[in-house]
PDB file of N, CA and C in Angstrom:
ATOM      1  N   UNK A   1      39.124 -26.456 -20.471  1.00  0.00           N
ATOM      2  CA  UNK A   1      40.480 -26.270 -21.206  1.00  0.00           C
ATOM      3  C   UNK A   1      40.251 -25.341 -22.286  1.00  0.00           C
ATOM      4  N   UNK A   2      41.213 -24.547 -22.618  1.00  0.00           N
ATOM      5  CA  UNK A   2      41.195 -23.577 -23.621  1.00  0.00           C
ATOM      6  C   UNK A   2      42.474 -24.008 -24.556  1.00  0.00           C
ATOM      7  N   UNK A   3      42.360 -24.765 -25.585  1.00  0.00           N
ATOM      8  CA  UNK A   3      43.152 -25.106 -26.448  1.00  0.00           C
ATOM      9  C   UNK A   3      43.448 -23.790 -27.362  1.00  0.00           C
ATOM     10  N   UNK A   4      44.755 -23.690 -27.773  1.00  0.00           N
ATOM     11  CA  UNK A   4      45.260 -22.672 -28.854  1.00  0.00           C
ATOM     12  C   UNK A   4      45.284 -23.434 -30.179  1.00  0.00           C
ATOM     13  N   UNK A   5      44.592 -23.059 -31.080  1.00  0.00           N
ATOM     14  CA  UNK A   5      44.677 -23.703 -32.353  1.00  0.00           C
ATOM     15  C   UNK A   5      44.861 -22.652 -33.542  1.00  0.00           C
ATOM     16  N   UNK A   6      45.777 -22.799 -34.343  1.00  0.00           N
ATOM     17  CA  UNK A   6      45.858 -21.878 -35.399  1.00  0.00           C
ATOM     18  C   UNK A   6      45.140 -22.485 -36.726  1.00  0.00           C
ATOM     19  N   UNK A   7      44.190 -21.622 -37.177  1.00  0.00           N
ATOM     20  CA  UNK A   7      43.433 -22.051 -38.400  1.00  0.00           C
ATOM     21  C   UNK A   7      43.509 -21.074 -39.408  1.00  0.00           C
ATOM     22  N   UNK A   8      43.537 -21.570 -40.751  1.00  0.00           N
ATOM     23  CA  UNK A   8      43.477 -20.557 -41.777  1.00  0.00           C
ATOM     24  C   UNK A   8      42.374 -19.754 -41.661  1.00  0.00           C
ATOM     25  N   UNK A   9      42.486 -18.421 -42.338  1.00  0.00           N
ATOM     26  CA  UNK A   9      41.619 -17.404 -42.333  1.00  0.00           C
ATOM     27  C   UNK A   9      40.224 -17.750 -42.994  1.00  0.00           C
ATOM     28  N   UNK A  10      40.270 -18.690 -43.949  1.00  0.00           N
ATOM     29  CA  UNK A  10      38.981 -19.056 -44.530  1.00  0.00           C
ATOM     30  C   UNK A  10      38.269 -20.084 -43.666  1.00  0.00           C
ATOM     31  N   UNK A  11      38.861 -20.764 -42.954  1.00  0.00           N
ATOM     32  CA  UNK A  11      38.153 -21.647 -42.052  1.00  0.00           C
ATOM     33  C   UNK A  11      37.553 -20.884 -40.914  1.00  0.00           C
ATOM     34  N   UNK A  12      38.254 -19.819 -40.458  1.00  0.00           N
ATOM     35  CA  UNK A  12      37.803 -18.905 -39.299  1.00  0.00           C
ATOM     36  C   UNK A  12      36.432 -18.229 -39.891  1.00  0.00           C
ATOM     37  N   UNK A  13      36.641 -17.744 -41.084  1.00  0.00           N
ATOM     38  CA  UNK A  13      35.328 -16.974 -41.592  1.00  0.00           C
ATOM     39  C   UNK A  13      34.259 -18.062 -41.867  1.00  0.00           C
ATOM     40  N   UNK A  14      34.425 -19.405 -42.214  1.00  0.00           N
ATOM     41  CA  UNK A  14      33.403 -20.248 -42.388  1.00  0.00           C
ATOM     42  C   UNK A  14      32.953 -20.616 -41.047  1.00  0.00           C
ATOM     43  N   UNK A  15      33.741 -20.621 -39.912  1.00  0.00           N
ATOM     44  CA  UNK A  15      33.109 -21.025 -38.648  1.00  0.00           C
ATOM     45  C   UNK A  15      32.300 -19.768 -38.120  1.00  0.00           C
ATOM     46  N   UNK A  16      32.726 -18.534 -38.689  1.00  0.00           N
ATOM     47  CA  UNK A  16      32.017 -17.498 -38.046  1.00  0.00           C
ATOM     48  C   UNK A  16      30.559 -17.411 -38.958  1.00  0.00           C
ATOM     49  N   UNK A  17      30.650 -17.721 -40.008  1.00  0.00           N
ATOM     50  CA  UNK A  17      29.379 -17.716 -40.796  1.00  0.00           C
ATOM     51  C   UNK A  17      28.350 -18.752 -40.322  1.00  0.00           C
ATOM     52  N   UNK A  18      28.941 -19.963 -40.098  1.00  0.00           N
ATOM     53  CA  UNK A  18      28.111 -20.956 -39.567  1.00  0.00           C
ATOM     54  C   UNK A  18      27.554 -20.615 -38.226  1.00  0.00           C
ATOM     55  N   UNK A  19      28.460 -20.118 -37.327  1.00  0.00           N
ATOM     56  CA  UNK A  19      28.097 -19.791 -35.896  1.00  0.00           C
ATOM     57  C   UNK A  19      26.853 -18.783 -35.962  1.00  0.00           C
ATOM     58  N   UNK A  20      27.031 -17.816 -36.823  1.00  0.00           N
ATOM     59  CA  UNK A  20      26.050 -16.665 -36.991  1.00  0.00           C
ATOM     60  C   UNK A  20      24.767 -17.331 -37.343  1.00  0.00           C
ATOM     61  N   UNK A  21      24.763 -18.162 -38.459  1.00  0.00           N
ATOM     62  CA  UNK A  21      23.478 -18.812 -39.062  1.00  0.00           C
ATOM     63  C   UNK A  21      22.900 -19.550 -37.886  1.00  0.00           C
ATOM     64  N   UNK A  22      23.602 -20.043 -37.025  1.00  0.00           N
ATOM     65  CA  UNK A  22      22.928 -21.006 -36.063  1.00  0.00           C
ATOM     66  C   UNK A  22      22.668 -20.215 -34.705  1.00  0.00           C
ATOM     67  N   UNK A  23      23.155 -18.978 -34.574  1.00  0.00           N
ATOM     68  CA  UNK A  23      22.972 -18.114 -33.394  1.00  0.00           C
ATOM     69  C   UNK A  23      23.699 -18.596 -32.211  1.00  0.00           C
ATOM     70  N   UNK A  24      24.882 -19.198 -32.488  1.00  0.00           N
ATOM     71  CA  UNK A  24      25.772 -19.752 -31.493  1.00  0.00           C
ATOM     72  C   UNK A  24      27.271 -19.107 -31.560  1.00  0.00           C
ATOM     73  N   UNK A  25      27.996 -19.319 -30.662  1.00  0.00           N
ATOM     74  CA  UNK A  25      29.483 -18.747 -30.565  1.00  0.00           C
ATOM     75  C   UNK A  25      30.328 -19.750 -31.446  1.00  0.00           C
ATOM     76  N   UNK A  26      31.368 -19.109 -31.882  1.00  0.00           N
ATOM     77  CA  UNK A  26      32.407 -19.918 -32.618  1.00  0.00           C
ATOM     78  C   UNK A  26      33.007 -21.009 -31.646  1.00  0.00           C
ATOM     79  N   UNK A  27      33.030 -20.719 -30.445  1.00  0.00           N
ATOM     80  CA  UNK A  27      33.524 -21.783 -29.646  1.00  0.00           C
ATOM     81  C   UNK A  27      32.482 -23.000 -29.532  1.00  0.00           C
ATOM     82  N   UNK A  28      31.314 -22.706 -29.525  1.00  0.00           N
ATOM     83  CA  UNK A  28      30.182 -23.746 -29.469  1.00  0.00           C
ATOM     84  C   UNK A  28      30.158 -24.634 -30.686  1.00  0.00           C
ATOM     85  N   UNK A  29      30.744 -23.754 -31.840  1.00  0.00           N
ATOM     86  CA  UNK A  29      30.621 -24.752 -33.199  1.00  0.00           C
ATOM     87  C   UNK A  29      31.767 -25.541 -33.185  1.00  0.00           C
ATOM     88  N   UNK A  30      32.970 -25.096 -32.584  1.00  0.00           N
ATOM     89  CA  UNK A  30      34.241 -25.862 -32.552  1.00  0.00           C
ATOM     90  C   UNK A  30      34.004 -27.051 -31.706  1.00  0.00           C
ATOM     91  N   UNK A  31      33.274 -26.841 -30.472  1.00  0.00           N
ATOM     92  CA  UNK A  31      33.076 -28.060 -29.552  1.00  0.00           C
ATOM     93  C   UNK A  31      32.085 -28.952 -30.103  1.00  0.00           C
ATOM     94  N   UNK A  32      31.090 -28.543 -30.948  1.00  0.00           N
ATOM     95  CA  UNK A  32      30.163 -29.373 -31.749  1.00  0.00           C
ATOM     96  C   UNK A  32      30.933 -30.155 -32.821  1.00  0.00           C
ATOM     97  N   UNK A  33      31.885 -29.596 -33.493  1.00  0.00           N
ATOM     98  CA  UNK A  33      32.648 -30.207 -34.383  1.00  0.00           C
ATOM     99  C   UNK A  33      33.625 -31.388 -33.823  1.00  0.00           C
ATOM    100  N   UNK A  34      34.115 -31.092 -32.634  1.00  0.00           N
ATOM    101  CA  UNK A  34      34.933 -31.951 -32.187  1.00  0.00           C
ATOM    102  C   UNK A  34      34.172 -33.207 -31.598  1.00  0.00           C
ATOM    103  N   UNK A  35      32.945 -32.934 -30.930  1.00  0.00           N
ATOM    104  CA  UNK A  35      32.129 -33.893 -30.552  1.00  0.00           C
ATOM    105  C   UNK A  35      31.662 -34.773 -31.560  1.00  0.00           C
ATOM    106  N   UNK A  36      31.378 -34.315 -32.761  1.00  0.00           N
ATOM    107  CA  UNK A  36      31.172 -35.042 -33.863  1.00  0.00           C
ATOM    108  C   UNK A  36      31.972 -35.787 -34.581  1.00  0.00           C
ATOM    109  N   UNK A  37      33.278 -35.339 -34.361  1.00  0.00           N
ATOM    110  CA  UNK A  37      34.611 -36.062 -35.023  1.00  0.00           C
ATOM    111  C   UNK A  37      34.970 -37.260 -34.211  1.00  0.00           C
ATOM    112  N   UNK A  38      34.835 -37.123 -32.799  1.00  0.00           N
ATOM    113  CA  UNK A  38      35.386 -38.170 -32.022  1.00  0.00           C
ATOM    114  C   UNK A  38      34.292 -39.386 -31.850  1.00  0.00           C
ATOM    115  N   UNK A  39      34.920 -40.525 -31.667  1.00  0.00           N
ATOM    116  CA  UNK A  39      34.012 -41.643 -31.592  1.00  0.00           C
ATOM    117  C   UNK A  39      33.150 -41.559 -30.464  1.00  0.00           C
ATOM    118  N   UNK A  40      31.929 -42.099 -30.477  1.00  0.00           N
ATOM    119  CA  UNK A  40      31.136 -42.067 -29.137  1.00  0.00           C
ATOM    120  C   UNK A  40      31.741 -43.027 -28.061  1.00  0.00           C
ATOM    121  N   UNK A  41      31.626 -42.715 -26.905  1.00  0.00           N
ATOM    122  CA  UNK A  41      32.209 -43.683 -25.977  1.00  0.00           C
ATOM    123  C   UNK A  41      31.012 -44.796 -25.624  1.00  0.00           C
ATOM    124  N   UNK A  42      31.248 -45.869 -25.818  1.00  0.00           N
ATOM    125  CA  UNK A  42      30.136 -47.021 -25.655  1.00  0.00           C
ATOM    126  C   UNK A  42      30.249 -47.598 -24.243  1.00  0.00           C
ATOM    127  N   UNK A  43      29.146 -47.718 -23.550  1.00  0.00           N
ATOM    128  CA  UNK A  43      29.275 -48.296 -22.289  1.00  0.00           C
ATOM    129  C   UNK A  43      29.742 -49.730 -22.345  1.00  0.00           C
ATOM    130  N   UNK A  44      30.529 -50.080 -21.487  1.00  0.00           N
ATOM    131  CA  UNK A  44      31.176 -51.334 -21.344  1.00  0.00           C
ATOM    132  C   UNK A  44      30.313 -52.445 -20.735  1.00  0.00           C
ATOM    133  N   UNK A  45      29.904 -53.490 -21.538  1.00  0.00           N
ATOM    134  CA  UNK A  45      29.089 -54.477 -21.114  1.00  0.00           C
ATOM    135  C   UNK A  45      29.914 -55.389 -19.809  1.00  0.00           C
ATOM    136  N   UNK A  46      29.428 -55.678 -18.915  1.00  0.00           N
ATOM    137  CA  UNK A  46      30.026 -56.591 -18.046  1.00  0.00           C
ATOM    138  C   UNK A  46      29.570 -57.872 -18.339  1.00  0.00           C
ATOM    139  N   UNK A  47      30.547 -58.768 -18.560  1.00  0.00           N
ATOM    140  CA  UNK A  47      30.292 -60.132 -18.805  1.00  0.00           C
ATOM    141  C   UNK A  47      31.265 -61.116 -18.174  1.00  0.00           C
ATOM    142  N   UNK A  48      30.581 -62.118 -17.469  1.00  0.00           N
ATOM    143  CA  UNK A  48      31.316 -62.988 -16.591  1.00  0.00           C
ATOM    144  C   UNK A  48      31.561 -64.400 -17.423  1.00  0.00           C
ATOM    145  N   UNK A  49      31.308 -64.313 -18.719  1.00  0.00           N
ATOM    146  CA  UNK A  49      31.407 -65.549 -19.511  1.00  0.00           C
ATOM    147  C   UNK A  49      32.833 -65.899 -19.652  1.00  0.00           C
ATOM    148  N   UNK A  50      33.812 -64.883 -19.634  1.00  0.00           N
ATOM    149  CA  UNK A  50      35.195 -65.278 -19.722  1.00  0.00           C
ATOM    150  C   UNK A  50      35.935 -65.500 -18.382  1.00  0.00           C
ATOM    151  N   UNK A  51      35.188 -65.323 -17.266  1.00  0.00           N
ATOM    152  CA  UNK A  51      35.595 -65.660 -16.008  1.00  0.00           C
ATOM    153  C   UNK A  51      35.865 -67.144 -15.823  1.00  0.00           C
ATOM    154  N   UNK A  52      37.025 -67.748 -15.360  1.00  0.00           N
ATOM    155  CA  UNK A  52      37.201 -69.000 -15.286  1.00  0.00           C
ATOM    156  C   UNK A  52      36.190 -69.812 -14.350  1.00  0.00           C
ATOM    157  N   UNK A  53      35.410 -69.115 -13.411  1.00  0.00           N
ATOM    158  CA  UNK A  53      34.558 -69.696 -12.606  1.00  0.00           C
ATOM    159  C   UNK A  53      33.179 -69.587 -12.871  1.00  0.00           C
ATOM    160  N   UNK A  54      32.995 -68.820 -14.159  1.00  0.00           N
ATOM    161  CA  UNK A  54      31.549 -68.579 -14.475  1.00  0.00           C
ATOM    162  C   UNK A  54      30.835 -70.040 -14.649  1.00  0.00           C
ATOM    163  N   UNK A  55      29.772 -70.253 -13.935  1.00  0.00           N
ATOM    164  CA  UNK A  55      28.995 -71.321 -14.264  1.00  0.00           C
ATOM    165  C   UNK A  55      29.507 -72.575 -13.592  1.00  0.00           C
ATOM    166  N   UNK A  56      30.675 -72.400 -12.692  1.00  0.00           N
ATOM    167  CA  UNK A  56      31.297 -73.607 -12.240  1.00  0.00           C
ATOM    168  C   UNK A  56      30.505 -74.352 -11.176  1.00  0.00           C
ATOM    169  N   UNK A  57      29.453 -73.682 -10.634  1.00  0.00           N
ATOM    170  CA  UNK A  57      28.444 -74.400  -9.644  1.00  0.00           C
ATOM    171  C   UNK A  57      27.346 -74.811 -10.193  1.00  0.00           C
ATOM    172  N   UNK A  58      27.286 -76.208 -10.638  1.00  0.00           N
ATOM    173  CA  UNK A  58      26.125 -76.732 -11.297  1.00  0.00           C
ATOM    174  C   UNK A  58      25.105 -77.237 -10.232  1.00  0.00           C
ATOM    175  N   UNK A  59      23.983 -76.867 -10.416  1.00  0.00           N
ATOM    176  CA  UNK A  59      22.836 -77.318  -9.559  1.00  0.00           C
ATOM    177  C   UNK A  59      21.981 -78.338 -10.195  1.00  0.00           C
ATOM    178  N   UNK A  60      21.582 -79.321  -9.407  1.00  0.00           N
ATOM    179  CA  UNK A  60      20.620 -80.217 -10.024  1.00  0.00           C
ATOM    180  C   UNK A  60      19.308 -79.653 -10.489  1.00  0.00           C
ATOM    181  N   UNK A  61      18.662 -80.329 -11.433  1.00  0.00           N
ATOM    182  CA  UNK A  61      17.381 -79.991 -11.944  1.00  0.00           C
ATOM    183  C   UNK A  61      16.552 -79.977 -10.823  1.00  0.00           C
ATOM    184  N   UNK A  62      15.670 -78.812 -10.635  1.00  0.00           N
ATOM    185  CA  UNK A  62      14.582 -78.847  -9.473  1.00  0.00           C
ATOM    186  C   UNK A  62      15.232 -78.195  -8.262  1.00  0.00           C
ATOM    187  N   UNK A  63      16.543 -77.634  -8.381  1.00  0.00           N
ATOM    188  CA  UNK A  63      17.159 -77.064  -7.182  1.00  0.00           C
ATOM    189  C   UNK A  63      16.215 -75.826  -6.651  1.00  0.00           C
ATOM    190  N   UNK A  64      15.994 -75.782  -5.286  1.00  0.00           N
ATOM    191  CA  UNK A  64      15.226 -74.893  -4.579  1.00  0.00           C
ATOM    192  C   UNK A  64      16.223 -73.915  -3.859  1.00  0.00           C
ATOM    193  N   UNK A  65      16.413 -72.748  -4.390  1.00  0.00           N
ATOM    194  CA  UNK A  65      17.431 -71.980  -3.709  1.00  0.00           C
ATOM    195  C   UNK A  65      16.926 -71.514  -2.348  1.00  0.00           C
ATOM    196  N   UNK A  66      15.558 -71.344  -2.097  1.00  0.00           N
ATOM    197  CA  UNK A  66      15.074 -70.855  -0.863  1.00  0.00           C
ATOM    198  C   UNK A  66      15.236 -72.019   0.186  1.00  0.00           C
ATOM    199  N   UNK A  67      14.963 -73.307  -0.401  1.00  0.00           N
ATOM    200  CA  UNK A  67      15.246 -74.338   0.777  1.00  0.00           C
ATOM    201  C   UNK A  67      16.602 -74.505   1.100  1.00  0.00           C
ATOM    202  N   UNK A  68      17.458 -74.211   0.101  1.00  0.00           N
ATOM    203  CA  UNK A  68      18.842 -74.359   0.340  1.00  0.00           C
ATOM    204  C   UNK A  68      19.274 -73.291   1.428  1.00  0.00           C
ATOM    205  N   UNK A  69      18.839 -72.014   1.166  1.00  0.00           N
ATOM    206  CA  UNK A  69      19.126 -71.052   2.230  1.00  0.00           C
ATOM    207  C   UNK A  69      18.631 -71.350   3.710  1.00  0.00           C
ATOM    208  N   UNK A  70      17.594 -71.961   3.599  1.00  0.00           N
ATOM    209  CA  UNK A  70      16.995 -72.405   4.984  1.00  0.00           C
ATOM    210  C   UNK A  70      17.771 -73.436   5.510  1.00  0.00           C
ATOM    211  N   UNK A  71      18.380 -74.220   4.760  1.00  0.00           N
ATOM    212  CA  UNK A  71      19.198 -75.299   5.440  1.00  0.00           C
ATOM    213  C   UNK A  71      20.483 -74.678   5.972  1.00  0.00           C
ATOM    214  N   UNK A  72      20.990 -73.724   5.126  1.00  0.00           N
ATOM    215  CA  UNK A  72      22.195 -73.051   5.698  1.00  0.00           C
ATOM    216  C   UNK A  72      21.985 -72.380   6.838  1.00  0.00           C
ATOM    217  N   UNK A  73      20.910 -71.535   7.075  1.00  0.00           N
ATOM    218  CA  UNK A  73      20.472 -70.839   8.248  1.00  0.00           C
ATOM    219  C   UNK A  73      20.321 -71.867   9.299  1.00  0.00           C
ATOM    220  N   UNK A  74      19.697 -72.980   9.100  1.00  0.00           N
ATOM    221  CA  UNK A  74      19.531 -73.941  10.309  1.00  0.00           C
ATOM    222  C   UNK A  74      20.837 -74.363  10.705  1.00  0.00           C
ATOM    223  N   UNK A  75      21.877 -74.524   9.911  1.00  0.00           N
ATOM    224  CA  UNK A  75      23.175 -74.912  10.366  1.00  0.00           C
ATOM    225  C   UNK A  75      23.868 -73.882  11.125  1.00  0.00           C
ATOM    226  N   UNK A  76      23.565 -72.602  11.009  1.00  0.00           N
ATOM    227  CA  UNK A  76      24.090 -71.451  11.735  1.00  0.00           C
ATOM    228  C   UNK A  76      23.530 -71.451  13.253  1.00  0.00           C
ATOM    229  N   UNK A  77      22.102 -71.966  13.296  1.00  0.00           N
ATOM    230  CA  UNK A  77      21.628 -72.048  14.698  1.00  0.00           C
ATOM    231  C   UNK A  77      22.165 -73.035  15.592  1.00  0.00           C
ATOM    232  N   UNK A  78      22.745 -74.215  14.896  1.00  0.00           N
ATOM    233  CA  UNK A  78      23.172 -75.333  15.737  1.00  0.00           C
ATOM    234  C   UNK A  78      24.561 -75.155  16.077  1.00  0.00           C
ATOM    235  N   UNK A  79      25.181 -74.210  15.883  1.00  0.00           N
ATOM    236  CA  UNK A  79      26.600 -73.958  16.193  1.00  0.00           C
ATOM    237  C   UNK A  79      26.701 -73.551  17.584  1.00  0.00           C
ATOM    238  N   UNK A  80      27.747 -74.023  18.310  1.00  0.00           N
ATOM    239  CA  UNK A  80      27.943 -73.749  19.807  1.00  0.00           C
ATOM    240  C   UNK A  80      28.583 -72.537  20.033  1.00  0.00           C
TER     241      UNK A  80
END
Protein backbone atom coordinates (compact mmCIF):
# COMPACT_ATOMS: atom_id res chain seq x y z
CA UNK A 1 0.00 0.00 0.00
CA UNK A 2 1.25 3.46 -0.82
CA UNK A 3 -0.34 6.01 1.49
CA UNK A 4 -0.17 9.69 0.68
CA UNK A 5 0.80 11.77 3.69
CA UNK A 6 1.37 15.52 3.88
CA UNK A 7 4.29 16.39 6.15
CA UNK A 8 5.77 19.76 7.01
CA UNK A 9 9.06 20.52 5.24
CA UNK A 10 11.07 20.32 8.49
CA UNK A 11 9.83 16.76 9.11
CA UNK A 12 10.74 15.73 5.58
CA UNK A 13 14.21 17.18 6.05
CA UNK A 14 14.57 15.39 9.40
CA UNK A 15 13.49 12.11 7.78
CA UNK A 16 15.98 12.59 4.95
CA UNK A 17 18.81 13.36 7.39
CA UNK A 18 18.00 10.31 9.49
CA UNK A 19 17.64 8.07 6.42
CA UNK A 20 20.99 9.26 5.04
CA UNK A 21 22.74 8.65 8.38
CA UNK A 22 21.37 5.08 8.50
CA UNK A 23 21.91 4.41 4.80
CA UNK A 24 18.25 3.56 4.17
CA UNK A 25 15.40 5.12 2.20
CA UNK A 26 12.91 7.63 3.55
CA UNK A 27 10.17 5.02 3.04
CA UNK A 28 12.10 2.55 5.21
CA UNK A 29 12.38 5.20 7.94
CA UNK A 30 8.62 5.82 7.81
CA UNK A 31 7.89 2.05 7.94
CA UNK A 32 10.23 1.73 10.93
CA UNK A 33 8.53 4.66 12.69
CA UNK A 34 5.05 3.23 12.10
CA UNK A 35 6.13 -0.22 13.32
CA UNK A 36 7.57 1.38 16.47
CA UNK A 37 4.45 3.47 17.05
CA UNK A 38 1.91 0.64 16.71
CA UNK A 39 1.47 -1.78 19.62
CA UNK A 40 2.90 -5.24 19.11
CA UNK A 41 0.40 -7.94 18.31
CA UNK A 42 0.45 -10.51 21.05
CA UNK A 43 -0.27 -14.11 20.34
CA UNK A 44 -3.58 -15.10 21.78
CA UNK A 45 -3.30 -17.79 24.38
CA UNK A 46 -5.86 -20.53 24.09
CA UNK A 47 -7.50 -21.22 27.41
CA UNK A 48 -10.26 -23.67 28.05
CA UNK A 49 -10.76 -22.56 31.65
CA UNK A 50 -13.73 -20.37 30.69
CA UNK A 51 -15.32 -23.21 28.75
CA UNK A 52 -18.40 -24.47 30.65
CA UNK A 53 -17.32 -28.08 30.12
CA UNK A 54 -13.66 -27.66 31.11
CA UNK A 55 -12.77 -30.29 33.65
CA UNK A 56 -16.30 -31.70 33.73
CA UNK A 57 -15.10 -35.27 33.40
CA UNK A 58 -13.75 -36.23 36.80
CA UNK A 59 -11.60 -39.31 36.88
CA UNK A 60 -11.01 -41.33 40.01
CA UNK A 61 -7.56 -41.35 41.55
CA UNK A 62 -5.36 -43.96 39.91
CA UNK A 63 -7.31 -43.82 36.64
CA UNK A 64 -5.42 -45.68 33.92
CA UNK A 65 -6.22 -44.18 30.53
CA UNK A 66 -4.50 -47.00 28.63
CA UNK A 67 -6.65 -49.61 30.36
CA UNK A 68 -9.75 -47.50 29.70
CA UNK A 69 -8.97 -47.35 25.97
CA UNK A 70 -8.39 -51.11 25.89
CA UNK A 71 -11.83 -51.66 27.44
CA UNK A 72 -13.44 -49.41 24.85
CA UNK A 73 -11.71 -51.20 22.01
CA UNK A 74 -12.77 -54.56 23.41
CA UNK A 75 -16.38 -53.36 23.32
CA UNK A 76 -16.02 -52.48 19.66
CA UNK A 77 -14.90 -56.01 18.85
CA UNK A 78 -18.03 -57.53 20.47
CA UNK A 79 -20.54 -55.59 18.41
CA UNK A 80 -22.42 -57.59 15.89
